[in-house]
Amino acid sequence: MSRTTRRAFLLSSAGAVASAGGLGAFAFRLHRRPQRGPYLTDAHLAELAGFQAPAPRVLFIGNSMVLRHDVPARVASLTGISTAMAAANGARLIETVRIERLQPVLTAVDWSAIVLQDFTKTPLRGVDRFASERAMTWIASQTSGARVLLFPPWPSAAGSAVYQDAGPFTTTPDDPQDYARRTMGFYTSVADRHGFSVAPVPGTWLSAGNPALYAEDNHHASVAGAALVAEVLASELKKLL
């Protein structure tokens, strides 16, 4: 986005966050420097702006929950949809939209759908929720009618440190079920306000009741977990497209 456009977006976002939560200025000070690796670098985004794969085309924007075991490629193999991703480890959407080369990716390619996944703890932290919603709606506004599918990530496994102390200004969830409820509540409320769709990833993950879905860190997905997530996203994209 141009410097003027980006400044206007950030100022309007900060004002909205401040009026809604009272911590807007703090939220924006926390998240200034975007994460870039591996697929939010200028080189990758410049290449992505020329994406010419057959329609339908779906762009995934997120972080390690998208990256681990290449969830977009798994969705493509299940659906025949052309997929691409703009994702970095540890990325937050409010940081990602500060990258100027992202806007051409959104405007130059005729995307059929955009899949958005934000930082795992966003639903637990009031100072992040409003900024996340503003980032989601800005991304949607830059596309030419692409459908938006929100990808709420699964909760960390029982025993994770997040259930003892989720961090400053963050609600500590009681257990994975509470974490999933808070996550789905946030994503569903955003979807309802803006006409987006939501993939039921947290509920499907918990219903599977399979510890093997987690990687060794009890937070990220194993290969089996990534396969399950891809199935859920593929099913929802088929409905949208």
Protein backbone atom coordinates (compact mmCIF):
# COMPACT_ATOMS: atom_id res chain seq x y z
CA MET A 1 0.00 0.00 0.00
CA SER A 2 1.19 3.55 -0.56
CA ARG A 3 2.63 5.47 2.38
CA THR A 4 -0.43 7.73 2.46
CA THR A 5 -2.85 4.81 2.29
CA ARG A 6 -0.99 2.89 4.95
CA ARG A 7 -0.88 5.89 7.28
CA ALA A 8 -4.63 6.46 6.85
CA PHE A 9 -5.32 2.79 7.56
CA LEU A 10 -3.19 2.74 10.69
CA LEU A 11 -4.64 5.99 12.03
CA SER A 12 -8.22 4.86 11.46
CA SER A 13 -7.46 1.46 12.95
CA ALA A 14 -5.83 2.95 16.03
CA GLY A 15 -8.80 5.21 16.55
CA ALA A 16 -11.24 2.34 16.25
CA VAL A 17 -9.25 0.19 18.65
CA ALA A 18 -8.93 3.01 21.15
CA SER A 19 -12.62 3.82 21.10
CA ALA A 20 -13.60 0.16 21.41
CA GLY A 21 -11.10 -1.11 23.93
CA GLY A 22 -9.28 1.84 25.48
CA LEU A 23 -5.88 0.28 24.73
CA GLY A 24 -5.56 1.10 21.03
CA ALA A 25 -2.37 3.13 21.16
CA PHE A 26 -0.70 0.42 23.24
CA ALA A 27 -1.78 -2.29 20.79
CA PHE A 28 -0.21 -0.48 17.87
CA ARG A 29 3.03 0.20 19.72
CA LEU A 30 3.27 -3.53 20.43
CA HIS A 31 3.01 -4.52 16.77
CA ARG A 32 5.14 -2.35 14.53
CA ARG A 33 7.69 -4.62 12.89
CA PRO A 34 6.27 -7.30 10.57
CA GLN A 35 7.66 -10.80 10.54
CA ARG A 36 8.88 -11.62 7.03
CA GLY A 37 10.21 -15.17 6.77
CA PRO A 38 9.78 -17.23 4.77
CA TYR A 39 6.88 -16.06 2.57
CA LEU A 40 6.37 -12.39 3.42
CA THR A 41 9.66 -11.20 1.98
CA ASP A 42 9.61 -8.55 -0.73
CA ALA A 43 10.93 -11.08 -3.24
CA HIS A 44 8.20 -13.62 -2.52
CA LEU A 45 5.42 -11.02 -2.53
CA ALA A 46 6.65 -9.57 -5.84
CA GLU A 47 6.51 -13.07 -7.32
CA LEU A 48 3.08 -13.68 -5.80
CA ALA A 49 1.68 -10.50 -7.40
CA GLY A 50 2.17 -12.24 -10.75
CA PHE A 51 0.43 -15.48 -9.72
CA GLN A 52 -1.15 -16.92 -12.87
CA ALA A 53 -2.33 -20.37 -11.88
CA PRO A 54 -5.72 -21.55 -13.16
CA ALA A 55 -8.87 -20.41 -11.34
CA PRO A 56 -10.17 -20.83 -8.73
CA ARG A 57 -7.27 -19.23 -6.87
CA VAL A 58 -7.04 -19.06 -3.08
CA LEU A 59 -4.53 -17.03 -1.07
CA PHE A 60 -3.67 -18.06 2.50
CA ILE A 61 -2.42 -15.31 4.83
CA GLY A 62 -1.23 -16.31 8.30
CA ASN A 63 1.71 -17.70 10.23
CA SER A 64 3.18 -21.04 11.29
CA MET A 65 -0.26 -22.64 11.53
CA VAL A 66 -0.46 -22.22 7.76
CA LEU A 67 3.21 -22.92 7.10
CA ARG A 68 3.80 -26.14 9.03
CA HIS A 69 3.47 -29.10 6.65
CA ASP A 70 2.21 -26.72 3.92
CA VAL A 71 -1.51 -26.60 4.62
CA PRO A 72 -2.29 -24.69 1.37
CA ALA A 73 -0.64 -27.39 -0.76
CA ARG A 74 -2.65 -30.04 1.10
CA VAL A 75 -5.85 -28.13 0.38
CA ALA A 76 -4.88 -27.91 -3.29
CA SER A 77 -4.33 -31.67 -3.46
CA LEU A 78 -7.77 -32.31 -1.99
CA THR A 79 -9.68 -29.83 -4.15
CA GLY A 80 -7.82 -29.01 -7.35
CA ILE A 81 -7.89 -25.35 -6.29
CA SER A 82 -4.79 -23.27 -7.06
CA THR A 83 -3.36 -22.13 -3.74
CA ALA A 84 -0.64 -19.70 -2.65
CA MET A 85 0.44 -18.28 0.67
CA ALA A 86 1.77 -15.09 2.20
CA ALA A 87 2.84 -16.25 5.65
CA ALA A 88 5.67 -15.85 8.13
CA ASN A 89 6.53 -17.57 11.39
CA GLY A 90 5.07 -15.61 14.28
CA ALA A 91 3.24 -13.15 12.00
CA ARG A 92 0.20 -11.18 13.15
CA LEU A 93 -2.21 -9.77 10.58
CA ILE A 94 -1.94 -6.24 11.99
CA GLU A 95 1.80 -6.45 11.30
CA THR A 96 1.44 -8.13 7.92
CA VAL A 97 -0.75 -5.35 6.50
CA ARG A 98 2.09 -2.89 7.13
CA ILE A 99 4.12 -4.53 4.36
CA GLU A 100 3.75 -2.31 1.30
CA ARG A 101 4.21 -5.15 -1.19
CA LEU A 102 1.16 -6.97 0.16
CA GLN A 103 -1.33 -4.62 -1.49
CA PRO A 104 -0.30 -5.46 -5.09
CA VAL A 105 -0.71 -9.14 -4.26
CA LEU A 106 -4.31 -8.48 -3.23
CA THR A 107 -5.21 -6.15 -6.08
CA ALA A 108 -3.31 -7.57 -9.07
CA VAL A 109 -4.50 -11.18 -8.82
CA ASP A 110 -8.10 -12.26 -9.29
CA TRP A 111 -8.37 -14.29 -6.09
CA SER A 112 -11.48 -16.41 -5.67
CA ALA A 113 -11.04 -16.55 -1.90
CA ILE A 114 -8.71 -15.39 0.85
CA VAL A 115 -8.08 -17.58 3.92
CA LEU A 116 -7.06 -15.56 6.99
CA GLN A 117 -5.44 -16.98 10.13
CA ASP A 118 -4.14 -14.72 12.87
CA PHE A 119 -1.76 -15.13 15.80
CA THR A 120 -2.87 -17.90 18.15
CA LYS A 121 -3.37 -15.78 21.28
CA THR A 122 -5.25 -12.95 19.54
CA PRO A 123 -8.68 -14.11 20.81
CA LEU A 124 -7.32 -14.15 24.37
CA ARG A 125 -6.01 -10.61 24.33
CA GLY A 126 -8.30 -7.59 24.17
CA VAL A 127 -5.65 -5.24 22.81
CA ASP A 128 -5.21 -7.53 19.79
CA ARG A 129 -8.77 -8.42 18.86
CA PHE A 130 -9.82 -5.05 17.49
CA ALA A 131 -6.59 -4.58 15.54
CA SER A 132 -6.97 -8.09 14.10
CA GLU A 133 -10.48 -7.34 12.88
CA ARG A 134 -9.35 -4.11 11.25
CA ALA A 135 -6.58 -5.96 9.44
CA MET A 136 -9.00 -8.64 8.22
CA THR A 137 -11.47 -6.11 6.86
CA TRP A 138 -8.73 -4.09 5.16
CA ILE A 139 -7.42 -7.20 3.40
CA ALA A 140 -10.95 -8.05 2.23
CA SER A 141 -11.48 -4.50 0.94
CA GLN A 142 -8.42 -4.72 -1.32
CA THR A 143 -9.64 -7.73 -3.30
CA SER A 144 -12.11 -7.62 -6.16
CA GLY A 145 -14.92 -9.55 -4.53
CA ALA A 146 -12.94 -12.51 -3.20
CA ARG A 147 -14.75 -14.58 -0.60
CA VAL A 148 -13.15 -14.53 2.85
CA LEU A 149 -12.74 -17.69 4.91
CA LEU A 150 -11.48 -17.25 8.46
CA PHE A 151 -9.24 -20.01 9.80
CA PRO A 152 -9.44 -20.13 13.63
CA PRO A 153 -6.46 -22.15 14.85
CA TRP A 154 -6.80 -25.13 17.16
CA PRO A 155 -6.04 -24.70 20.89
CA SER A 156 -2.78 -25.77 22.48
CA ALA A 157 -2.79 -29.19 24.12
CA ALA A 158 -3.70 -29.70 27.77
CA GLY A 159 -0.68 -29.07 29.96
CA SER A 160 0.63 -26.22 27.82
CA ALA A 161 2.01 -23.24 29.72
CA VAL A 162 -0.76 -21.09 28.23
CA TYR A 163 -3.18 -22.66 30.75
CA GLN A 164 -1.07 -21.47 33.67
CA ASP A 165 -0.19 -18.00 32.40
CA ALA A 166 -1.17 -16.79 28.93
CA GLY A 167 0.87 -13.59 29.29
CA PRO A 168 0.34 -9.87 30.01
CA PHE A 169 -3.12 -8.45 29.25
CA THR A 170 -4.22 -11.91 28.12
CA THR A 171 -7.05 -14.07 29.43
CA THR A 172 -5.69 -17.41 30.61
CA PRO A 173 -8.02 -20.14 29.28
CA ASP A 174 -9.21 -22.87 31.62
CA ASP A 175 -8.51 -25.77 29.25
CA PRO A 176 -8.46 -26.59 25.52
CA GLN A 177 -12.25 -26.49 25.35
CA ASP A 178 -12.31 -22.98 26.81
CA TYR A 179 -9.49 -21.91 24.49
CA ALA A 180 -11.42 -23.26 21.48
CA ARG A 181 -14.62 -21.53 22.62
CA ARG A 182 -12.88 -18.18 22.94
CA THR A 183 -11.17 -18.60 19.57
CA MET A 184 -14.34 -19.53 17.73
CA GLY A 185 -16.24 -16.78 19.52
CA PHE A 186 -13.84 -14.15 18.24
CA TYR A 187 -13.67 -15.40 14.66
CA THR A 188 -17.42 -15.98 14.45
CA SER A 189 -18.20 -12.48 15.72
CA VAL A 190 -15.90 -10.97 13.07
CA ALA A 191 -17.46 -13.14 10.38
CA ASP A 192 -21.00 -12.18 11.40
CA ARG A 193 -20.19 -8.47 11.29
CA HIS A 194 -18.57 -8.56 7.87
CA GLY A 195 -20.16 -11.40 5.93
CA PHE A 196 -17.15 -13.72 6.11
CA SER A 197 -17.21 -17.50 6.55
CA VAL A 198 -15.54 -19.47 9.35
CA ALA A 199 -13.93 -22.91 9.18
CA PRO A 200 -14.76 -25.01 12.29
CA VAL A 201 -11.16 -26.03 12.88
CA PRO A 202 -11.04 -25.89 16.72
CA GLY A 203 -14.18 -27.96 17.23
CA THR A 204 -13.21 -30.56 14.65
CA TRP A 205 -9.74 -30.83 16.17
CA LEU A 206 -11.07 -31.39 19.69
CA SER A 207 -13.75 -33.81 18.51
CA ALA A 208 -11.05 -35.97 16.96
CA GLY A 209 -9.62 -36.46 20.46
CA ASN A 210 -6.27 -37.48 19.05
CA PRO A 211 -3.08 -36.33 20.85
CA ALA A 212 -1.12 -37.33 17.74
CA LEU A 213 -2.51 -34.28 15.94
CA TYR A 214 -0.03 -32.16 17.87
CA ALA A 215 3.67 -31.75 17.13
CA GLU A 216 6.13 -32.36 19.94
CA ASP A 217 5.70 -28.79 21.23
CA ASN A 218 1.97 -29.51 21.96
CA HIS A 219 1.08 -26.36 20.04
CA HIS A 220 1.75 -26.78 16.33
CA ALA A 221 0.28 -29.49 14.14
CA SER A 222 1.90 -32.79 13.31
CA VAL A 223 1.58 -34.14 9.78
CA ALA A 224 -1.70 -35.78 10.86
CA GLY A 225 -2.91 -32.49 12.36
CA ALA A 226 -2.11 -30.54 9.21
CA ALA A 227 -3.96 -33.16 7.16
CA LEU A 228 -7.06 -32.79 9.35
CA VAL A 229 -6.96 -28.98 9.11
CA ALA A 230 -6.59 -29.18 5.34
CA GLU A 231 -9.67 -31.40 5.14
CA VAL A 232 -11.74 -28.88 7.12
CA LEU A 233 -10.56 -25.94 5.03
CA ALA A 234 -11.04 -27.85 1.79
CA SER A 235 -14.63 -28.67 2.74
CA GLU A 236 -15.41 -25.03 3.54
CA LEU A 237 -13.76 -23.74 0.37
CA LYS A 238 -15.79 -26.15 -1.73
CA LYS A 239 -18.93 -24.64 -0.22
CA LEU A 240 -17.74 -21.11 -0.96
CA LEU A 241 -16.52 -21.75 -4.49
